[in-house]
Amino acid sequence: KNGEEMSIKDGGFSQVDLLQDVDAYNISKVYNLADTKLYAAFEDYYNVSKHYKRRYHIFKQQLKKEFDEDSIYAVAFRFAKHNNIVRVIWLSIW
């Protein structure tokens, strides 16, 4: 809140880190960065289209599209397979 980083206990990965990673992924998927200047993509993402307000929806839609899956669970399961700890973490986030 108010610019302060909020860490996941013992995780070493802050909420700010998560937001930055999600936004970077979204920008790379929503904009053709070969034809769009990065500063123009940032301007649009944050100030014009305000995609950041729908960052998690965009993130989930793009992941499902990229991996041709119908749920975020199915995408996560590809990486988790039989690792129950990873599956529990993904399920708690979504």
Protein backbone atom coordinates (compact mmCIF):
# COMPACT_ATOMS: atom_id res chain seq x y z
CA LYS A 1 0.00 0.00 0.00
CA ASN A 2 1.12 3.54 -0.70
CA GLY A 3 4.20 2.34 -2.56
CA GLU A 4 5.42 0.05 0.20
CA GLU A 5 6.49 -3.43 -0.83
CA MET A 6 4.47 -6.21 0.71
CA SER A 7 6.44 -9.43 0.95
CA ILE A 8 5.06 -12.91 1.07
CA LYS A 9 6.32 -14.36 4.34
CA ASP A 10 9.61 -16.17 3.78
CA GLY A 11 9.00 -16.06 0.03
CA GLY A 12 11.42 -13.33 -0.94
CA PHE A 13 9.01 -12.26 -3.67
CA SER A 14 7.12 -9.02 -3.09
CA GLN A 15 3.76 -7.96 -4.43
CA VAL A 16 5.57 -5.24 -6.39
CA ASP A 17 7.69 -7.95 -8.06
CA LEU A 18 4.53 -9.81 -9.04
CA LEU A 19 2.88 -6.69 -10.46
CA GLN A 20 5.99 -5.84 -12.47
CA ASP A 21 6.26 -9.36 -13.88
CA VAL A 22 2.55 -9.51 -14.79
CA ASP A 23 2.67 -6.09 -16.44
CA ALA A 24 5.84 -6.97 -18.38
CA TYR A 25 4.24 -10.19 -19.65
CA ASN A 26 1.05 -8.37 -20.60
CA ILE A 27 2.88 -5.61 -22.44
CA SER A 28 4.89 -8.17 -24.38
CA LYS A 29 1.68 -9.96 -25.43
CA VAL A 30 -0.68 -7.02 -26.01
CA TYR A 31 1.70 -4.86 -28.06
CA ASN A 32 3.80 -5.73 -31.07
CA LEU A 33 7.06 -4.42 -29.65
CA ALA A 34 8.81 -4.89 -32.98
CA ASP A 35 6.64 -2.06 -34.34
CA THR A 36 5.77 -0.17 -31.14
CA LYS A 37 8.23 1.86 -29.13
CA LEU A 38 8.42 0.62 -25.54
CA TYR A 39 7.64 4.07 -24.14
CA ALA A 40 4.50 4.19 -26.33
CA ALA A 41 3.41 0.76 -25.06
CA PHE A 42 3.93 1.93 -21.46
CA GLU A 43 2.01 5.14 -22.11
CA ASP A 44 -0.90 3.23 -23.59
CA TYR A 45 -0.88 0.42 -21.00
CA TYR A 46 -0.85 2.75 -17.99
CA ASN A 47 -2.36 6.04 -19.17
CA VAL A 48 -4.45 5.67 -22.33
CA SER A 49 -6.08 2.23 -22.43
CA LYS A 50 -5.45 1.71 -18.71
CA HIS A 51 -4.91 -2.02 -19.25
CA TYR A 52 -3.17 -2.15 -15.87
CA LYS A 53 -6.61 -1.96 -14.24
CA ARG A 54 -7.37 -5.36 -15.78
CA ARG A 55 -3.85 -6.79 -15.43
CA TYR A 56 -4.83 -10.15 -13.92
CA HIS A 57 -7.66 -10.75 -16.37
CA ILE A 58 -5.36 -9.96 -19.30
CA PHE A 59 -2.62 -12.13 -17.77
CA LYS A 60 -4.91 -15.14 -17.38
CA GLN A 61 -6.40 -14.75 -20.86
CA GLN A 62 -2.97 -14.46 -22.48
CA LEU A 63 -1.57 -17.47 -20.58
CA LYS A 64 -4.55 -19.62 -21.53
CA LYS A 65 -4.16 -18.52 -25.15
CA GLU A 66 -0.39 -19.07 -25.21
CA PHE A 67 -0.67 -22.61 -23.82
CA ASP A 68 -3.96 -23.45 -25.55
CA GLU A 69 -5.70 -24.31 -22.29
CA ASP A 70 -9.15 -23.48 -20.96
CA SER A 71 -8.15 -22.71 -17.37
CA ILE A 72 -5.30 -21.20 -15.43
CA TYR A 73 -5.16 -24.43 -13.45
CA ALA A 74 -4.43 -26.38 -16.64
CA VAL A 75 -1.59 -23.99 -17.48
CA ALA A 76 -0.12 -24.27 -13.97
CA PHE A 77 -0.50 -28.04 -14.00
CA ARG A 78 1.86 -28.27 -17.00
CA PHE A 79 4.61 -26.88 -14.80
CA ALA A 80 3.58 -28.51 -11.56
CA LYS A 81 2.79 -32.03 -12.78
CA HIS A 82 3.04 -34.01 -9.55
CA ASN A 83 4.55 -31.29 -7.42
CA ASN A 84 1.71 -30.70 -4.94
CA ILE A 85 3.40 -27.70 -3.34
CA VAL A 86 3.45 -25.76 -6.61
CA ARG A 87 -0.18 -26.70 -7.32
CA VAL A 88 -1.29 -25.49 -3.89
CA ILE A 89 0.52 -22.17 -4.39
CA TRP A 90 -1.12 -21.62 -7.81
CA LEU A 91 -4.55 -22.54 -6.51
CA SER A 92 -4.21 -20.14 -3.60
CA ILE A 93 -3.32 -17.27 -5.97
CA TRP A 94 -6.17 -17.85 -8.43
